[in-house]
Amino acid sequence: MKKSKSSKRLLASIVLSFEAFVVFFATLAAFGLKVGDSSINLPDTEWIWGIGLSFAILCILAPGVLRKPWGYYLGWAIQAAMLVSGFWLWGMFLVAGLTTSMWIWALIAGSTIDKARENYHKLMEGQEGGEDPSFDKA
């Protein structure tokens, strides 16, 4: 039987890709706030663009390393960095809370789907061997 891809990795990749857009639009918001009011407690516009775009690119590249065991730790680091960004843009506390919730859901639901798929394949392999899975051998 052909090995199927991990649902956990797929769902986590979707969340990280979505976060790339979130980070880009947060960068635009920070830039607009800095240009509109230079006394606001934000770094210079060059730093805003550098940090924001680097972080968005990291969110785009992160799904590629989810097949490695440390890839999920990178995802958690991205979630933590988004939460910390709320100290500069207060709205990011809410947005990061939502995306972190999506990340947690993706990991839990993906693991559940993968385990259910594995159990289903074991059940089907038992049926192919001539065993009746509904027959209780007790």
C-alpha atoms as a PDB file:
ATOM      1  CA  MET A   1       0.000   0.000   0.000  1.00  0.00           C
ATOM      2  CA  LYS A   2       1.258   3.478  -0.855  1.00  0.00           C
ATOM      3  CA  LYS A   3       2.368   5.560   2.121  1.00  0.00           C
ATOM      4  CA  SER A   4       0.186   8.649   2.405  1.00  0.00           C
ATOM      5  CA  LYS A   5       1.457  12.071   3.360  1.00  0.00           C
ATOM      6  CA  SER A   6       1.101  13.397   6.874  1.00  0.00           C
ATOM      7  CA  SER A   7      -2.055  15.389   7.543  1.00  0.00           C
ATOM      8  CA  LYS A   8      -0.304  17.036  10.476  1.00  0.00           C
ATOM      9  CA  ARG A   9       2.387  18.399   8.174  1.00  0.00           C
ATOM     10  CA  LEU A  10      -0.189  19.479   5.585  1.00  0.00           C
ATOM     11  CA  LEU A  11      -2.339  21.398   8.077  1.00  0.00           C
ATOM     12  CA  ALA A  12       0.691  22.978   9.758  1.00  0.00           C
ATOM     13  CA  SER A  13       1.971  24.076   6.329  1.00  0.00           C
ATOM     14  CA  ILE A  14      -1.360  25.718   5.562  1.00  0.00           C
ATOM     15  CA  VAL A  15      -1.264  27.669   8.837  1.00  0.00           C
ATOM     16  CA  LEU A  16       2.333  28.818   8.290  1.00  0.00           C
ATOM     17  CA  SER A  17       1.548  29.899   4.719  1.00  0.00           C
ATOM     18  CA  PHE A  18      -1.443  31.870   5.960  1.00  0.00           C
ATOM     19  CA  GLU A  19       0.767  33.505   8.581  1.00  0.00           C
ATOM     20  CA  ALA A  20       3.078  34.773   5.831  1.00  0.00           C
ATOM     21  CA  PHE A  21       0.206  36.947   4.609  1.00  0.00           C
ATOM     22  CA  VAL A  22      -0.630  38.019   8.159  1.00  0.00           C
ATOM     23  CA  VAL A  23       2.974  39.055   8.791  1.00  0.00           C
ATOM     24  CA  PHE A  24       3.142  40.972   5.501  1.00  0.00           C
ATOM     25  CA  PHE A  25      -0.022  42.933   6.299  1.00  0.00           C
ATOM     26  CA  ALA A  26       1.188  43.579   9.863  1.00  0.00           C
ATOM     27  CA  THR A  27       4.385  44.967   8.311  1.00  0.00           C
ATOM     28  CA  LEU A  28       2.278  47.294   6.158  1.00  0.00           C
ATOM     29  CA  ALA A  29       0.341  48.397   9.258  1.00  0.00           C
ATOM     30  CA  ALA A  30       3.541  49.084  11.211  1.00  0.00           C
ATOM     31  CA  PHE A  31       4.980  51.018   8.263  1.00  0.00           C
ATOM     32  CA  GLY A  32       1.814  53.097   7.939  1.00  0.00           C
ATOM     33  CA  LEU A  33       1.756  53.868  11.651  1.00  0.00           C
ATOM     34  CA  LYS A  34       5.430  54.879  11.631  1.00  0.00           C
ATOM     35  CA  VAL A  35       5.024  57.123   8.584  1.00  0.00           C
ATOM     36  CA  GLY A  36       1.836  58.673   9.982  1.00  0.00           C
ATOM     37  CA  ASP A  37       3.281  59.392  13.421  1.00  0.00           C
ATOM     38  CA  SER A  38       7.063  59.301  13.724  1.00  0.00           C
ATOM     39  CA  SER A  39       6.901  59.641  17.518  1.00  0.00           C
ATOM     40  CA  ILE A  40       5.333  56.166  17.825  1.00  0.00           C
ATOM     41  CA  ASN A  41       7.447  53.512  19.564  1.00  0.00           C
ATOM     42  CA  LEU A  42       8.436  51.569  16.439  1.00  0.00           C
ATOM     43  CA  PRO A  43      11.848  51.065  14.802  1.00  0.00           C
ATOM     44  CA  ASP A  44      12.852  53.008  11.703  1.00  0.00           C
ATOM     45  CA  THR A  45      11.005  52.158   8.497  1.00  0.00           C
ATOM     46  CA  GLU A  46      14.030  50.285   7.099  1.00  0.00           C
ATOM     47  CA  TRP A  47      14.000  48.016  10.128  1.00  0.00           C
ATOM     48  CA  ILE A  48      10.241  47.539   9.884  1.00  0.00           C
ATOM     49  CA  TRP A  49      10.539  46.364   6.277  1.00  0.00           C
ATOM     50  CA  GLY A  50      13.635  44.267   6.951  1.00  0.00           C
ATOM     51  CA  ILE A  51      12.187  42.461   9.947  1.00  0.00           C
ATOM     52  CA  GLY A  52       8.697  42.113   8.489  1.00  0.00           C
ATOM     53  CA  LEU A  53       9.710  40.785   5.095  1.00  0.00           C
ATOM     54  CA  SER A  54      12.349  38.466   6.570  1.00  0.00           C
ATOM     55  CA  PHE A  55       9.755  37.072   8.920  1.00  0.00           C
ATOM     56  CA  ALA A  56       7.211  36.645   6.095  1.00  0.00           C
ATOM     57  CA  ILE A  57       9.807  34.787   4.004  1.00  0.00           C
ATOM     58  CA  LEU A  58      10.583  32.577   7.017  1.00  0.00           C
ATOM     59  CA  CYS A  59       6.867  31.710   7.229  1.00  0.00           C
ATOM     60  CA  ILE A  60       6.914  30.772   3.537  1.00  0.00           C
ATOM     61  CA  LEU A  61      10.038  28.604   3.869  1.00  0.00           C
ATOM     62  CA  ALA A  62       9.132  26.946   7.194  1.00  0.00           C
ATOM     63  CA  PRO A  63       6.719  24.356   5.721  1.00  0.00           C
ATOM     64  CA  GLY A  64       9.652  22.907   3.796  1.00  0.00           C
ATOM     65  CA  VAL A  65      11.393  21.840   7.009  1.00  0.00           C
ATOM     66  CA  LEU A  66       8.344  20.344   8.731  1.00  0.00           C
ATOM     67  CA  ARG A  67       9.467  16.872   7.625  1.00  0.00           C
ATOM     68  CA  LYS A  68      12.400  17.250  10.007  1.00  0.00           C
ATOM     69  CA  PRO A  69      11.765  16.760  13.741  1.00  0.00           C
ATOM     70  CA  TRP A  70      12.959  20.293  14.569  1.00  0.00           C
ATOM     71  CA  GLY A  71      10.621  21.815  11.945  1.00  0.00           C
ATOM     72  CA  TYR A  72       7.732  21.947  14.391  1.00  0.00           C
ATOM     73  CA  TYR A  73       9.950  23.729  16.927  1.00  0.00           C
ATOM     74  CA  LEU A  74      10.551  26.363  14.241  1.00  0.00           C
ATOM     75  CA  GLY A  75       6.778  26.674  13.882  1.00  0.00           C
ATOM     76  CA  TRP A  76       6.428  27.191  17.624  1.00  0.00           C
ATOM     77  CA  ALA A  77       9.184  29.839  17.500  1.00  0.00           C
ATOM     78  CA  ILE A  78       7.242  31.660  14.778  1.00  0.00           C
ATOM     79  CA  GLN A  79       4.124  31.568  16.976  1.00  0.00           C
ATOM     80  CA  ALA A  80       6.090  32.989  19.911  1.00  0.00           C
ATOM     81  CA  ALA A  81       7.591  35.747  17.760  1.00  0.00           C
ATOM     82  CA  MET A  82       4.138  36.725  16.520  1.00  0.00           C
ATOM     83  CA  LEU A  83       2.890  36.968  20.099  1.00  0.00           C
ATOM     84  CA  VAL A  84       5.895  39.090  21.099  1.00  0.00           C
ATOM     85  CA  SER A  85       5.225  41.443  18.170  1.00  0.00           C
ATOM     86  CA  GLY A  86       2.112  42.512  20.036  1.00  0.00           C
ATOM     87  CA  PHE A  87       4.304  44.708  22.230  1.00  0.00           C
ATOM     88  CA  TRP A  88       4.876  46.964  19.197  1.00  0.00           C
ATOM     89  CA  LEU A  89       1.516  46.532  17.473  1.00  0.00           C
ATOM     90  CA  TRP A  90      -1.097  45.790  20.134  1.00  0.00           C
ATOM     91  CA  GLY A  91      -3.473  44.275  17.566  1.00  0.00           C
ATOM     92  CA  MET A  92      -0.980  41.483  16.990  1.00  0.00           C
ATOM     93  CA  PHE A  93      -1.851  40.036  20.395  1.00  0.00           C
ATOM     94  CA  LEU A  94      -5.309  39.234  19.036  1.00  0.00           C
ATOM     95  CA  VAL A  95      -4.120  38.164  15.580  1.00  0.00           C
ATOM     96  CA  ALA A  96      -1.265  36.061  16.980  1.00  0.00           C
ATOM     97  CA  GLY A  97      -3.643  34.483  19.470  1.00  0.00           C
ATOM     98  CA  LEU A  98      -5.895  33.424  16.607  1.00  0.00           C
ATOM     99  CA  THR A  99      -3.066  32.090  14.458  1.00  0.00           C
ATOM    100  CA  THR A 100      -1.506  30.275  17.418  1.00  0.00           C
ATOM    101  CA  SER A 101      -4.895  28.675  18.056  1.00  0.00           C
ATOM    102  CA  MET A 102      -4.968  27.610  14.416  1.00  0.00           C
ATOM    103  CA  TRP A 103      -1.433  26.176  14.799  1.00  0.00           C
ATOM    104  CA  ILE A 104      -2.450  24.172  17.867  1.00  0.00           C
ATOM    105  CA  TRP A 105      -5.579  22.909  16.094  1.00  0.00           C
ATOM    106  CA  ALA A 106      -3.512  21.900  13.044  1.00  0.00           C
ATOM    107  CA  LEU A 107      -1.117  19.864  15.182  1.00  0.00           C
ATOM    108  CA  ILE A 108      -3.859  18.145  17.185  1.00  0.00           C
ATOM    109  CA  ALA A 109      -6.234  17.486  14.282  1.00  0.00           C
ATOM    110  CA  GLY A 110      -3.412  16.427  11.968  1.00  0.00           C
ATOM    111  CA  SER A 111      -2.060  13.930  14.504  1.00  0.00           C
ATOM    112  CA  THR A 112      -5.557  12.547  15.071  1.00  0.00           C
ATOM    113  CA  ILE A 113      -6.141  12.099  11.345  1.00  0.00           C
ATOM    114  CA  ASP A 114      -2.752  10.427  10.892  1.00  0.00           C
ATOM    115  CA  LYS A 115      -3.435   7.969  13.733  1.00  0.00           C
ATOM    116  CA  ALA A 116      -6.905   7.176  12.391  1.00  0.00           C
ATOM    117  CA  ARG A 117      -5.466   6.607   8.911  1.00  0.00           C
ATOM    118  CA  GLU A 118      -2.790   4.303  10.332  1.00  0.00           C
ATOM    119  CA  ASN A 119      -5.433   2.280  12.204  1.00  0.00           C
ATOM    120  CA  TYR A 120      -7.568   2.084   9.070  1.00  0.00           C
ATOM    121  CA  HIS A 121      -4.638   0.758   7.022  1.00  0.00           C
ATOM    122  CA  LYS A 122      -3.881  -1.863   9.688  1.00  0.00           C
ATOM    123  CA  LEU A 123      -7.525  -2.926   9.623  1.00  0.00           C
ATOM    124  CA  MET A 124      -7.523  -3.184   5.834  1.00  0.00           C
ATOM    125  CA  GLU A 125      -4.295  -5.222   5.839  1.00  0.00           C
ATOM    126  CA  GLY A 126      -5.958  -7.640   8.260  1.00  0.00           C
ATOM    127  CA  GLN A 127      -8.924  -8.013   5.905  1.00  0.00           C
ATOM    128  CA  GLU A 128      -6.674  -8.718   2.921  1.00  0.00           C
ATOM    129  CA  GLY A 129      -5.086 -11.571   4.880  1.00  0.00           C
ATOM    130  CA  GLY A 130      -8.443 -13.334   5.077  1.00  0.00           C
ATOM    131  CA  GLU A 131      -9.246 -12.328   8.629  1.00  0.00           C
ATOM    132  CA  ASP A 132     -12.668 -11.004   9.502  1.00  0.00           C
ATOM    133  CA  PRO A 133     -12.068  -7.881  11.644  1.00  0.00           C
ATOM    134  CA  SER A 134     -15.654  -7.986  12.965  1.00  0.00           C
ATOM    135  CA  PHE A 135     -15.219 -11.500  14.338  1.00  0.00           C
ATOM    136  CA  ASP A 136     -14.357 -11.518  18.005  1.00  0.00           C
ATOM    137  CA  LYS A 137     -11.833 -14.262  18.794  1.00  0.00           C
ATOM    138  CA  ALA A 138     -12.574 -14.269  22.510  1.00  0.00           C
END
